């Protein structure tokens, strides 16, 4: 009887441990993380997207206001209140076939991408965030400290940029960063295909 009780307690502990481990955490595999986040964003699944946001890091959203690129840090992604609030998150379609290759570019004169699909280039580092901060300092008296710009450069150095684009103007451009053995959403790029300036 005592052995049976111990077995029951052990199986209960193991079951609870497995349940705790299966709580929504970003995957440690880059491809799984990309597909998981793209699926959650496409479905506008608030809780699933939130599981990809580090509580310590948050998400930095790049956007254009007037002629200058800007950024805003947020602790969560809210589909009802996008950043910036006048610019809703695009719907997009994708077959979830991820290609690890050079990223497509957006042609403002033709209003189209050089290629369609879901892409991640692990061989290049994008400096869009740190360059945006430097430009704000140079042209708009941004008062962004060197320390913050350095932190942006470190974030960029440890991130991969992903572009999801379709033939109907749908797009989702973001960066995943490995933090504590998990991939987290750290930057959303809303300027690359903005031809307003």
N, C-alpha and C. Protein backbone atom coordinates (compact mmCIF):
# COMPACT_ATOMS: atom_id res chain seq x y z
N UNK A 1 0.83 -1.20 0.00
CA UNK A 1 0.00 0.00 0.00
C UNK A 1 0.87 1.26 0.00
N UNK A 2 1.93 1.24 0.83
CA UNK A 2 2.82 2.39 0.93
C UNK A 2 3.54 2.63 -0.40
N UNK A 3 3.99 1.53 -1.06
CA UNK A 3 4.67 1.64 -2.36
C UNK A 3 3.72 2.21 -3.41
N UNK A 4 2.48 1.78 -3.35
CA UNK A 4 1.50 2.26 -4.31
C UNK A 4 1.25 3.76 -4.12
N UNK A 5 1.23 4.20 -2.87
CA UNK A 5 1.02 5.61 -2.57
C UNK A 5 2.19 6.45 -3.06
N UNK A 6 3.41 5.93 -2.89
CA UNK A 6 4.62 6.63 -3.36
C UNK A 6 4.60 6.71 -4.88
N UNK A 7 4.24 5.61 -5.57
CA UNK A 7 4.16 5.62 -7.03
C UNK A 7 3.15 6.66 -7.50
N UNK A 8 2.01 6.71 -6.81
CA UNK A 8 0.97 7.67 -7.18
C UNK A 8 1.49 9.10 -7.01
N UNK A 9 2.18 9.37 -5.91
CA UNK A 9 2.71 10.71 -5.67
C UNK A 9 3.77 11.08 -6.71
N UNK A 10 4.63 10.12 -7.04
CA UNK A 10 5.65 10.38 -8.05
C UNK A 10 5.03 10.66 -9.41
N UNK A 11 4.03 9.87 -9.77
CA UNK A 11 3.40 10.12 -11.08
C UNK A 11 2.66 11.45 -11.08
N UNK A 12 2.10 11.84 -9.97
CA UNK A 12 1.43 13.14 -9.86
C UNK A 12 2.45 14.27 -10.01
N UNK A 13 3.58 14.14 -9.34
CA UNK A 13 4.64 15.15 -9.44
C UNK A 13 5.16 15.24 -10.87
N UNK A 14 5.39 14.09 -11.50
CA UNK A 14 5.87 14.09 -12.88
C UNK A 14 4.85 14.72 -13.81
N UNK A 15 3.59 14.41 -13.63
CA UNK A 15 2.54 14.97 -14.46
C UNK A 15 2.46 16.48 -14.31
N UNK A 16 2.55 16.97 -13.08
CA UNK A 16 2.53 18.41 -12.85
C UNK A 16 3.76 19.07 -13.44
N UNK A 17 4.90 18.41 -13.35
CA UNK A 17 6.13 18.95 -13.93
C UNK A 17 6.00 19.07 -15.44
N UNK A 18 5.46 18.04 -16.09
CA UNK A 18 5.27 18.09 -17.54
C UNK A 18 4.29 19.19 -17.92
N UNK A 19 3.24 19.34 -17.13
CA UNK A 19 2.26 20.38 -17.39
C UNK A 19 2.90 21.75 -17.27
N UNK A 20 3.72 21.95 -16.26
CA UNK A 20 4.41 23.25 -16.08
C UNK A 20 5.37 23.51 -17.24
N UNK A 21 6.06 22.48 -17.68
CA UNK A 21 7.02 22.65 -18.78
C UNK A 21 6.33 22.93 -20.10
N UNK A 22 5.09 22.47 -20.25
CA UNK A 22 4.41 22.68 -21.51
C UNK A 22 3.67 24.02 -21.57
N UNK A 23 3.79 24.83 -20.51
CA UNK A 23 3.20 26.17 -20.54
C UNK A 23 3.78 26.92 -21.73
N UNK A 24 3.04 27.86 -22.27
CA UNK A 24 3.47 28.53 -23.49
C UNK A 24 4.78 29.28 -23.29
N UNK A 25 5.82 28.74 -23.87
CA UNK A 25 7.12 29.38 -23.90
C UNK A 25 7.58 29.42 -25.33
N UNK A 26 8.29 30.46 -25.72
CA UNK A 26 8.81 30.48 -27.08
C UNK A 26 9.75 29.29 -27.31
N UNK A 27 9.71 28.70 -28.48
CA UNK A 27 10.58 27.56 -28.76
C UNK A 27 12.05 27.95 -28.74
N UNK A 28 12.91 26.97 -28.47
CA UNK A 28 14.35 27.24 -28.50
C UNK A 28 14.92 27.03 -29.90
N UNK A 29 14.15 26.50 -30.82
CA UNK A 29 14.56 26.28 -32.20
C UNK A 29 14.09 27.48 -33.03
N UNK A 30 14.99 28.10 -33.79
CA UNK A 30 14.66 29.32 -34.54
C UNK A 30 13.52 29.09 -35.53
N UNK A 31 13.58 28.04 -36.30
CA UNK A 31 12.53 27.79 -37.29
C UNK A 31 11.17 27.60 -36.62
N UNK A 32 11.12 26.84 -35.54
CA UNK A 32 9.86 26.64 -34.81
C UNK A 32 9.35 27.96 -34.25
N UNK A 33 10.26 28.78 -33.76
CA UNK A 33 9.87 30.07 -33.20
C UNK A 33 9.28 30.97 -34.28
N UNK A 34 9.91 31.01 -35.44
CA UNK A 34 9.42 31.84 -36.54
C UNK A 34 8.03 31.39 -36.95
N UNK A 35 7.87 30.10 -37.19
CA UNK A 35 6.57 29.58 -37.63
C UNK A 35 5.51 29.78 -36.55
N UNK A 36 5.89 29.55 -35.30
CA UNK A 36 4.93 29.75 -34.20
C UNK A 36 4.47 31.19 -34.08
N UNK A 37 5.40 32.13 -34.18
CA UNK A 37 5.04 33.54 -34.06
C UNK A 37 4.24 34.01 -35.27
N UNK A 38 4.65 33.61 -36.46
CA UNK A 38 3.92 34.01 -37.68
C UNK A 38 2.48 33.49 -37.62
N UNK A 39 2.33 32.24 -37.21
CA UNK A 39 0.98 31.67 -37.09
C UNK A 39 0.15 32.44 -36.08
N UNK A 40 0.73 32.73 -34.92
CA UNK A 40 0.00 33.47 -33.88
C UNK A 40 -0.37 34.87 -34.35
N UNK A 41 0.55 35.54 -35.03
CA UNK A 41 0.29 36.90 -35.51
C UNK A 41 -0.77 36.89 -36.61
N UNK A 42 -0.67 35.93 -37.50
CA UNK A 42 -1.64 35.81 -38.60
C UNK A 42 -3.05 35.59 -38.05
N UNK A 43 -3.15 34.77 -37.01
CA UNK A 43 -4.45 34.47 -36.39
C UNK A 43 -4.86 35.54 -35.37
N UNK A 44 -3.98 36.54 -35.17
CA UNK A 44 -4.21 37.58 -34.16
C UNK A 44 -4.53 36.97 -32.79
N UNK A 45 -3.74 35.97 -32.45
CA UNK A 45 -3.87 35.27 -31.18
C UNK A 45 -3.04 36.01 -30.13
N UNK A 46 -3.68 36.88 -29.41
CA UNK A 46 -3.03 37.77 -28.45
C UNK A 46 -2.17 37.02 -27.42
N UNK A 47 -2.72 35.98 -26.83
CA UNK A 47 -1.96 35.28 -25.78
C UNK A 47 -0.76 34.53 -26.37
N UNK A 48 -0.93 33.95 -27.56
CA UNK A 48 0.20 33.24 -28.18
C UNK A 48 1.31 34.22 -28.57
N UNK A 49 0.94 35.38 -29.11
CA UNK A 49 1.95 36.39 -29.46
C UNK A 49 2.63 36.88 -28.19
N UNK A 50 1.87 37.09 -27.14
CA UNK A 50 2.44 37.57 -25.87
C UNK A 50 3.47 36.61 -25.29
N UNK A 51 3.29 35.33 -25.57
CA UNK A 51 4.26 34.35 -25.06
C UNK A 51 5.63 34.49 -25.71
N UNK A 52 5.70 35.22 -26.83
CA UNK A 52 6.97 35.47 -27.51
C UNK A 52 7.62 36.79 -27.08
N UNK A 53 7.00 37.50 -26.14
CA UNK A 53 7.52 38.79 -25.71
C UNK A 53 8.18 38.61 -24.34
N UNK A 54 9.45 38.96 -24.26
CA UNK A 54 10.20 38.89 -23.01
C UNK A 54 9.72 40.00 -22.07
N UNK A 55 9.40 39.64 -20.84
CA UNK A 55 8.96 40.64 -19.86
C UNK A 55 10.04 41.68 -19.61
N UNK A 56 11.30 41.27 -19.64
CA UNK A 56 12.41 42.19 -19.38
C UNK A 56 12.70 43.09 -20.59
N UNK A 57 12.62 42.52 -21.78
CA UNK A 57 13.01 43.24 -23.00
C UNK A 57 11.86 44.02 -23.62
N UNK A 58 10.66 43.43 -23.67
CA UNK A 58 9.55 44.05 -24.37
C UNK A 58 9.79 44.01 -25.87
N UNK A 59 9.01 44.79 -26.61
CA UNK A 59 9.12 44.85 -28.07
C UNK A 59 9.29 46.30 -28.48
N UNK A 60 10.19 46.52 -29.42
CA UNK A 60 10.38 47.85 -29.98
C UNK A 60 9.73 47.86 -31.36
N UNK A 61 8.82 48.81 -31.57
CA UNK A 61 8.13 48.91 -32.85
C UNK A 61 8.69 50.12 -33.60
N UNK A 62 9.19 49.87 -34.79
CA UNK A 62 9.70 50.93 -35.67
C UNK A 62 8.58 51.36 -36.60
N UNK A 63 8.38 52.66 -36.74
CA UNK A 63 7.35 53.18 -37.62
C UNK A 63 7.78 54.54 -38.15
N UNK A 64 7.10 55.01 -39.18
CA UNK A 64 7.43 56.31 -39.77
C UNK A 64 6.35 57.31 -39.40
N UNK A 65 6.80 58.46 -38.92
CA UNK A 65 5.88 59.56 -38.63
C UNK A 65 6.45 60.78 -39.34
N UNK A 66 5.76 61.24 -40.38
CA UNK A 66 6.33 62.30 -41.21
C UNK A 66 7.44 61.73 -42.06
N UNK A 67 8.59 62.40 -42.04
CA UNK A 67 9.70 61.90 -42.86
C UNK A 67 10.71 61.09 -42.06
N UNK A 68 10.55 61.06 -40.73
CA UNK A 68 11.53 60.37 -39.90
C UNK A 68 10.98 59.06 -39.36
N UNK A 69 11.86 58.06 -39.33
CA UNK A 69 11.53 56.82 -38.66
C UNK A 69 11.59 57.07 -37.16
N UNK A 70 10.69 56.45 -36.44
CA UNK A 70 10.59 56.57 -34.99
C UNK A 70 10.57 55.17 -34.39
N UNK A 71 10.62 55.09 -33.08
CA UNK A 71 10.43 53.80 -32.42
C UNK A 71 9.71 54.01 -31.10
N UNK A 72 9.04 52.97 -30.69
CA UNK A 72 8.34 52.98 -29.40
C UNK A 72 8.48 51.61 -28.77
N UNK A 73 8.83 51.58 -27.51
CA UNK A 73 8.93 50.32 -26.79
C UNK A 73 7.59 50.03 -26.13
N UNK A 74 7.17 48.78 -26.22
CA UNK A 74 5.92 48.36 -25.61
C UNK A 74 6.13 47.02 -24.91
N UNK A 75 5.31 46.75 -23.92
CA UNK A 75 5.47 45.50 -23.17
C UNK A 75 4.66 44.37 -23.77
N UNK A 76 3.76 44.69 -24.70
CA UNK A 76 2.91 43.66 -25.30
C UNK A 76 2.43 44.12 -26.67
N UNK A 77 1.93 43.19 -27.44
CA UNK A 77 1.32 43.50 -28.73
C UNK A 77 -0.19 43.40 -28.54
N UNK A 78 -0.87 44.49 -28.84
CA UNK A 78 -2.32 44.54 -28.71
C UNK A 78 -2.89 44.82 -30.09
N UNK A 79 -3.62 43.88 -30.65
CA UNK A 79 -4.15 44.04 -32.00
C UNK A 79 -5.24 45.11 -32.06
N UNK A 80 -5.87 45.40 -30.93
CA UNK A 80 -6.89 46.45 -30.90
C UNK A 80 -6.27 47.85 -30.79
N UNK A 81 -5.07 47.91 -30.25
CA UNK A 81 -4.36 49.18 -30.08
C UNK A 81 -2.95 49.04 -30.64
N UNK A 82 -2.81 49.11 -31.96
CA UNK A 82 -1.48 48.90 -32.57
C UNK A 82 -0.54 50.08 -32.28
N UNK A 83 0.73 49.85 -32.56
CA UNK A 83 1.74 50.91 -32.47
C UNK A 83 2.25 51.16 -33.88
N UNK A 84 2.09 52.40 -34.36
CA UNK A 84 1.33 53.52 -33.80
C UNK A 84 -0.16 53.24 -33.90
N UNK A 85 -0.94 53.97 -33.12
CA UNK A 85 -2.37 53.66 -32.99
C UNK A 85 -3.18 53.93 -34.25
N UNK A 86 -2.66 54.70 -35.18
CA UNK A 86 -3.37 55.00 -36.42
C UNK A 86 -3.06 54.02 -37.55
N UNK A 87 -2.25 53.01 -37.27
CA UNK A 87 -1.73 52.12 -38.31
C UNK A 87 -1.96 50.66 -37.91
N UNK A 88 -3.11 50.08 -38.28
CA UNK A 88 -3.41 48.70 -37.86
C UNK A 88 -2.39 47.70 -38.41
N UNK A 89 -2.25 46.59 -37.69
CA UNK A 89 -1.35 45.53 -38.17
C UNK A 89 -1.98 44.89 -39.40
N UNK A 90 -1.16 44.67 -40.43
CA UNK A 90 -1.63 44.11 -41.68
C UNK A 90 -2.04 42.65 -41.53
N UNK A 91 -3.03 42.27 -42.31
CA UNK A 91 -3.29 40.85 -42.52
C UNK A 91 -2.32 40.39 -43.59
N UNK A 92 -1.95 39.15 -43.54
CA UNK A 92 -1.05 38.60 -44.56
C UNK A 92 -1.35 37.13 -44.73
N UNK A 93 -0.96 36.60 -45.87
CA UNK A 93 -1.12 35.17 -46.10
C UNK A 93 0.26 34.56 -46.33
N UNK A 94 0.42 33.36 -45.86
CA UNK A 94 1.67 32.63 -46.05
C UNK A 94 1.40 31.15 -45.93
N UNK A 95 2.17 30.36 -46.64
CA UNK A 95 2.03 28.91 -46.56
C UNK A 95 2.95 28.32 -45.48
N UNK A 96 3.64 29.18 -44.74
CA UNK A 96 4.55 28.79 -43.65
C UNK A 96 5.78 28.03 -44.13
N UNK A 97 6.10 28.12 -45.42
CA UNK A 97 7.35 27.53 -45.92
C UNK A 97 8.44 28.57 -45.74
N UNK A 98 9.31 28.33 -44.80
CA UNK A 98 10.37 29.27 -44.44
C UNK A 98 11.61 29.01 -45.29
N UNK A 99 12.15 30.09 -45.85
CA UNK A 99 13.40 29.99 -46.63
C UNK A 99 14.49 30.76 -45.90
N UNK A 100 15.59 30.10 -45.64
CA UNK A 100 16.76 30.75 -45.06
C UNK A 100 17.63 31.21 -46.23
N UNK A 101 17.46 32.46 -46.61
CA UNK A 101 18.17 33.04 -47.75
C UNK A 101 18.11 34.55 -47.64
N UNK A 102 18.66 35.25 -48.63
CA UNK A 102 18.63 36.71 -48.59
C UNK A 102 17.19 37.20 -48.53
N UNK A 103 17.00 38.33 -47.85
CA UNK A 103 15.65 38.86 -47.64
C UNK A 103 15.18 39.63 -48.87
N UNK A 104 13.86 39.62 -49.10
CA UNK A 104 13.34 40.44 -50.20
C UNK A 104 13.42 41.92 -49.84
N UNK A 105 13.39 42.76 -50.85
CA UNK A 105 13.34 44.20 -50.64
C UNK A 105 12.04 44.72 -51.23
N UNK A 106 11.64 45.89 -50.75
CA UNK A 106 10.39 46.48 -51.23
C UNK A 106 10.71 47.61 -52.20
N UNK A 107 10.07 47.57 -53.36
CA UNK A 107 10.26 48.59 -54.40
C UNK A 107 9.10 49.57 -54.32
N UNK A 108 9.38 50.78 -53.82
CA UNK A 108 8.32 51.78 -53.65
C UNK A 108 7.75 52.27 -54.98
N UNK A 109 8.54 52.27 -56.05
CA UNK A 109 7.99 52.73 -57.33
C UNK A 109 7.03 51.71 -57.92
N UNK A 110 7.30 50.43 -57.74
CA UNK A 110 6.43 49.38 -58.25
C UNK A 110 5.41 48.91 -57.21
N UNK A 111 5.64 49.32 -55.94
CA UNK A 111 4.80 48.89 -54.81
C UNK A 111 4.70 47.37 -54.72
N UNK A 112 5.89 46.73 -54.77
CA UNK A 112 5.91 45.28 -54.67
C UNK A 112 7.25 44.80 -54.11
N UNK A 113 7.21 43.57 -53.59
CA UNK A 113 8.40 42.93 -53.06
C UNK A 113 9.16 42.25 -54.19
N UNK A 114 10.47 42.10 -54.01
CA UNK A 114 11.28 41.42 -55.02
C UNK A 114 11.01 39.92 -55.04
N UNK A 115 10.48 39.39 -53.96
CA UNK A 115 10.03 37.99 -53.92
C UNK A 115 8.99 37.86 -52.81
N UNK A 116 8.20 36.83 -52.90
CA UNK A 116 7.07 36.61 -52.00
C UNK A 116 7.33 35.36 -51.17
N UNK A 117 6.94 35.41 -49.88
CA UNK A 117 7.08 34.24 -49.03
C UNK A 117 7.51 34.62 -47.62
N UNK A 118 8.17 33.68 -46.97
CA UNK A 118 8.65 33.88 -45.60
C UNK A 118 10.15 33.60 -45.59
N UNK A 119 10.94 34.63 -45.19
CA UNK A 119 12.39 34.57 -45.34
C UNK A 119 13.10 34.99 -44.06
N UNK A 120 14.23 34.34 -43.82
CA UNK A 120 15.12 34.71 -42.72
C UNK A 120 16.56 34.58 -43.24
N UNK A 121 17.33 35.66 -43.08
CA UNK A 121 18.73 35.64 -43.49
C UNK A 121 19.56 35.65 -42.21
N UNK A 122 20.18 34.52 -41.90
CA UNK A 122 20.97 34.41 -40.67
C UNK A 122 22.41 34.86 -40.87
N UNK A 123 22.75 35.31 -42.08
CA UNK A 123 24.13 35.70 -42.35
C UNK A 123 24.36 37.20 -42.25
N UNK A 124 23.27 37.98 -42.15
CA UNK A 124 23.40 39.44 -42.11
C UNK A 124 22.76 39.99 -40.85
N UNK A 125 23.27 41.16 -40.44
CA UNK A 125 22.72 41.86 -39.28
C UNK A 125 22.10 43.17 -39.75
N UNK A 126 20.87 43.40 -39.36
CA UNK A 126 20.20 44.65 -39.68
C UNK A 126 20.47 45.67 -38.58
N UNK A 127 20.77 46.90 -38.98
CA UNK A 127 21.05 47.96 -38.02
C UNK A 127 19.97 49.05 -38.08
N UNK A 128 18.78 48.68 -38.48
CA UNK A 128 17.71 49.64 -38.66
C UNK A 128 17.36 50.38 -37.37
N UNK A 129 17.29 49.68 -36.25
CA UNK A 129 16.93 50.32 -34.98
C UNK A 129 18.01 51.29 -34.52
N UNK A 130 19.26 50.86 -34.48
CA UNK A 130 20.33 51.75 -34.02
C UNK A 130 20.51 52.93 -34.97
N UNK A 131 20.36 52.72 -36.28
CA UNK A 131 20.45 53.82 -37.24
C UNK A 131 19.29 54.80 -37.05
N UNK A 132 18.12 54.29 -36.75
CA UNK A 132 16.97 55.16 -36.48
C UNK A 132 17.26 56.05 -35.28
N UNK A 133 17.80 55.45 -34.22
CA UNK A 133 18.13 56.23 -33.01
C UNK A 133 19.19 57.29 -33.32
N UNK A 134 20.22 56.91 -34.08
CA UNK A 134 21.27 57.88 -34.44
C UNK A 134 20.70 59.02 -35.28
N UNK A 135 19.82 58.69 -36.23
CA UNK A 135 19.20 59.72 -37.06
C UNK A 135 18.32 60.66 -36.24
N UNK A 136 17.62 60.12 -35.27
CA UNK A 136 16.80 60.97 -34.41
C UNK A 136 17.68 61.93 -33.62
N UNK A 137 18.84 61.46 -33.18
CA UNK A 137 19.77 62.34 -32.47
C UNK A 137 20.32 63.43 -33.41
N UNK A 138 20.68 63.04 -34.62
CA UNK A 138 21.29 63.97 -35.56
C UNK A 138 20.31 65.02 -36.08
N UNK A 139 19.12 64.59 -36.44
CA UNK A 139 18.20 65.48 -37.15
C UNK A 139 17.04 66.01 -36.31
N UNK A 140 16.79 65.40 -35.15
CA UNK A 140 15.63 65.83 -34.37
C UNK A 140 15.94 66.04 -32.89
N UNK A 141 17.21 66.17 -32.54
CA UNK A 141 17.59 66.32 -31.13
C UNK A 141 16.93 65.26 -30.25
N UNK A 142 17.11 64.02 -30.64
CA UNK A 142 16.46 62.91 -29.98
C UNK A 142 16.90 62.64 -28.55
N UNK A 143 18.08 63.13 -28.15
CA UNK A 143 18.61 62.90 -26.80
C UNK A 143 18.63 61.43 -26.42
N UNK A 144 18.97 60.58 -27.36
CA UNK A 144 19.09 59.15 -27.08
C UNK A 144 20.53 58.89 -26.69
N UNK A 145 20.71 58.31 -25.53
CA UNK A 145 22.06 58.16 -24.97
C UNK A 145 22.88 57.14 -25.78
N UNK A 146 24.21 57.30 -25.68
CA UNK A 146 25.12 56.34 -26.31
C UNK A 146 24.90 54.95 -25.73
N UNK A 147 24.59 54.89 -24.44
CA UNK A 147 24.34 53.61 -23.77
C UNK A 147 23.14 52.91 -24.41
N UNK A 148 22.07 53.66 -24.67
CA UNK A 148 20.88 53.06 -25.27
C UNK A 148 21.17 52.63 -26.71
N UNK A 149 21.91 53.45 -27.45
CA UNK A 149 22.26 53.07 -28.82
C UNK A 149 23.13 51.81 -28.82
N UNK A 150 24.05 51.72 -27.88
CA UNK A 150 24.87 50.50 -27.74
C UNK A 150 24.00 49.28 -27.44
N UNK A 151 23.00 49.47 -26.58
CA UNK A 151 22.11 48.35 -26.26
C UNK A 151 21.31 47.93 -27.50
N UNK A 152 20.93 48.90 -28.34
CA UNK A 152 20.26 48.57 -29.60
C UNK A 152 21.18 47.79 -30.52
N UNK A 153 22.45 48.20 -30.59
CA UNK A 153 23.42 47.49 -31.44
C UNK A 153 23.63 46.07 -30.95
N UNK A 154 23.70 45.88 -29.64
CA UNK A 154 23.83 44.52 -29.09
C UNK A 154 22.60 43.69 -29.39
N UNK A 155 21.43 44.29 -29.27
CA UNK A 155 20.19 43.59 -29.59
C UNK A 155 20.19 43.16 -31.06
N UNK A 156 20.57 44.07 -31.95
CA UNK A 156 20.61 43.76 -33.38
C UNK A 156 21.62 42.65 -33.67
N UNK A 157 22.76 42.70 -33.00
CA UNK A 157 23.82 41.71 -33.22
C UNK A 157 23.35 40.30 -32.88
N UNK A 158 22.44 40.20 -31.92
CA UNK A 158 21.96 38.89 -31.46
C UNK A 158 20.59 38.53 -32.00
N UNK A 159 20.16 39.22 -33.05
CA UNK A 159 18.82 39.02 -33.60
C UNK A 159 18.88 38.56 -35.06
N UNK A 160 17.79 37.95 -35.47
CA UNK A 160 17.59 37.61 -36.88
C UNK A 160 16.34 38.32 -37.38
N UNK A 161 16.45 38.89 -38.57
CA UNK A 161 15.33 39.62 -39.18
C UNK A 161 14.56 38.66 -40.07
N UNK A 162 13.25 38.70 -39.95
CA UNK A 162 12.38 37.82 -40.73
C UNK A 162 11.40 38.69 -41.51
N UNK A 163 11.21 38.39 -42.78
CA UNK A 163 10.26 39.10 -43.62
C UNK A 163 9.23 38.10 -44.14
N UNK A 164 7.97 38.41 -43.88
CA UNK A 164 6.84 37.64 -44.43
C UNK A 164 6.08 38.61 -45.31
N UNK A 165 5.94 38.30 -46.59
CA UNK A 165 5.23 39.21 -47.50
C UNK A 165 4.46 38.40 -48.53
N UNK A 166 3.31 38.97 -48.90
CA UNK A 166 2.50 38.30 -49.92
C UNK A 166 2.26 39.25 -51.09
N UNK A 167 1.52 38.80 -52.06
CA UNK A 167 1.31 39.58 -53.28
C UNK A 167 0.20 40.62 -53.15
N UNK A 168 -0.43 40.72 -51.98
CA UNK A 168 -1.55 41.65 -51.80
C UNK A 168 -1.22 42.73 -50.76
N UNK A 169 0.05 43.09 -50.64
CA UNK A 169 0.50 44.12 -49.69
C UNK A 169 0.53 43.64 -48.24
N UNK A 170 0.20 42.39 -47.98
CA UNK A 170 0.29 41.86 -46.63
C UNK A 170 1.74 41.65 -46.26
N UNK A 171 2.08 42.01 -45.01
CA UNK A 171 3.47 41.83 -44.58
C UNK A 171 3.57 41.82 -43.07
N UNK A 172 4.62 41.17 -42.61
CA UNK A 172 4.97 41.14 -41.20
C UNK A 172 6.48 41.03 -41.16
N UNK A 173 7.15 42.08 -40.69
CA UNK A 173 8.61 42.11 -40.63
C UNK A 173 8.99 42.24 -39.17
N UNK A 174 9.82 41.33 -38.70
CA UNK A 174 10.13 41.31 -37.27
C UNK A 174 11.51 40.71 -37.03
N UNK A 175 11.95 40.86 -35.79
CA UNK A 175 13.25 40.33 -35.38
C UNK A 175 13.02 39.39 -34.20
N UNK A 176 13.71 38.26 -34.22
CA UNK A 176 13.73 37.37 -33.07
C UNK A 176 15.12 37.40 -32.48
N UNK A 177 15.17 37.41 -31.15
CA UNK A 177 16.43 37.46 -30.42
C UNK A 177 16.48 36.30 -29.44
N UNK A 178 17.62 35.66 -29.37
CA UNK A 178 17.79 34.55 -28.41
C UNK A 178 18.14 35.14 -27.05
N UNK A 179 17.26 34.90 -26.09
CA UNK A 179 17.44 35.37 -24.72
C UNK A 179 17.21 34.17 -23.81
N UNK A 180 18.20 33.85 -23.00
CA UNK A 180 18.08 32.72 -22.06
C UNK A 180 17.58 31.45 -22.74
N UNK A 181 18.19 31.09 -23.84
CA UNK A 181 17.93 29.86 -24.58
C UNK A 181 16.57 29.79 -25.26
N UNK A 182 15.89 30.92 -25.38
CA UNK A 182 14.60 30.98 -26.08
C UNK A 182 14.62 32.11 -27.10
N UNK A 183 13.80 32.02 -28.12
CA UNK A 183 13.69 33.05 -29.14
C UNK A 183 12.51 33.94 -28.80
N UNK A 184 12.77 35.24 -28.71
CA UNK A 184 11.74 36.21 -28.36
C UNK A 184 11.60 37.26 -29.46
N UNK A 185 10.37 37.74 -29.61
CA UNK A 185 10.08 38.86 -30.50
C UNK A 185 10.60 40.12 -29.83
N UNK A 186 11.53 40.83 -30.49
CA UNK A 186 12.11 42.03 -29.88
C UNK A 186 11.89 43.30 -30.70
N UNK A 187 11.73 43.16 -32.01
CA UNK A 187 11.54 44.34 -32.87
C UNK A 187 10.49 44.01 -33.93
N UNK A 188 9.60 44.95 -34.18
CA UNK A 188 8.69 44.87 -35.33
C UNK A 188 9.02 46.07 -36.22
N UNK A 189 9.26 45.79 -37.48
CA UNK A 189 9.63 46.81 -38.47
C UNK A 189 8.39 47.17 -39.28
N UNK A 190 7.92 48.40 -39.09
CA UNK A 190 6.76 48.89 -39.84
C UNK A 190 7.16 50.00 -40.80
N UNK A 191 8.48 50.12 -41.07
CA UNK A 191 8.96 51.19 -41.95
C UNK A 191 9.47 50.71 -43.30
N UNK A 192 9.93 49.48 -43.38
CA UNK A 192 10.58 49.01 -44.60
C UNK A 192 9.71 49.17 -45.84
N UNK A 193 8.44 48.91 -45.74
CA UNK A 193 7.56 49.03 -46.92
C UNK A 193 6.67 50.28 -46.86
N UNK A 194 7.04 51.22 -46.00
CA UNK A 194 6.29 52.48 -45.89
C UNK A 194 6.93 53.49 -46.84
N UNK A 195 6.26 53.79 -47.91
CA UNK A 195 6.81 54.70 -48.94
C UNK A 195 6.22 56.09 -48.80
N UNK A 196 5.77 56.47 -47.62
CA UNK A 196 5.06 57.73 -47.45
C UNK A 196 5.96 58.94 -47.47
N UNK A 197 7.26 58.80 -47.22
CA UNK A 197 8.10 60.01 -47.18
C UNK A 197 8.81 60.26 -48.49
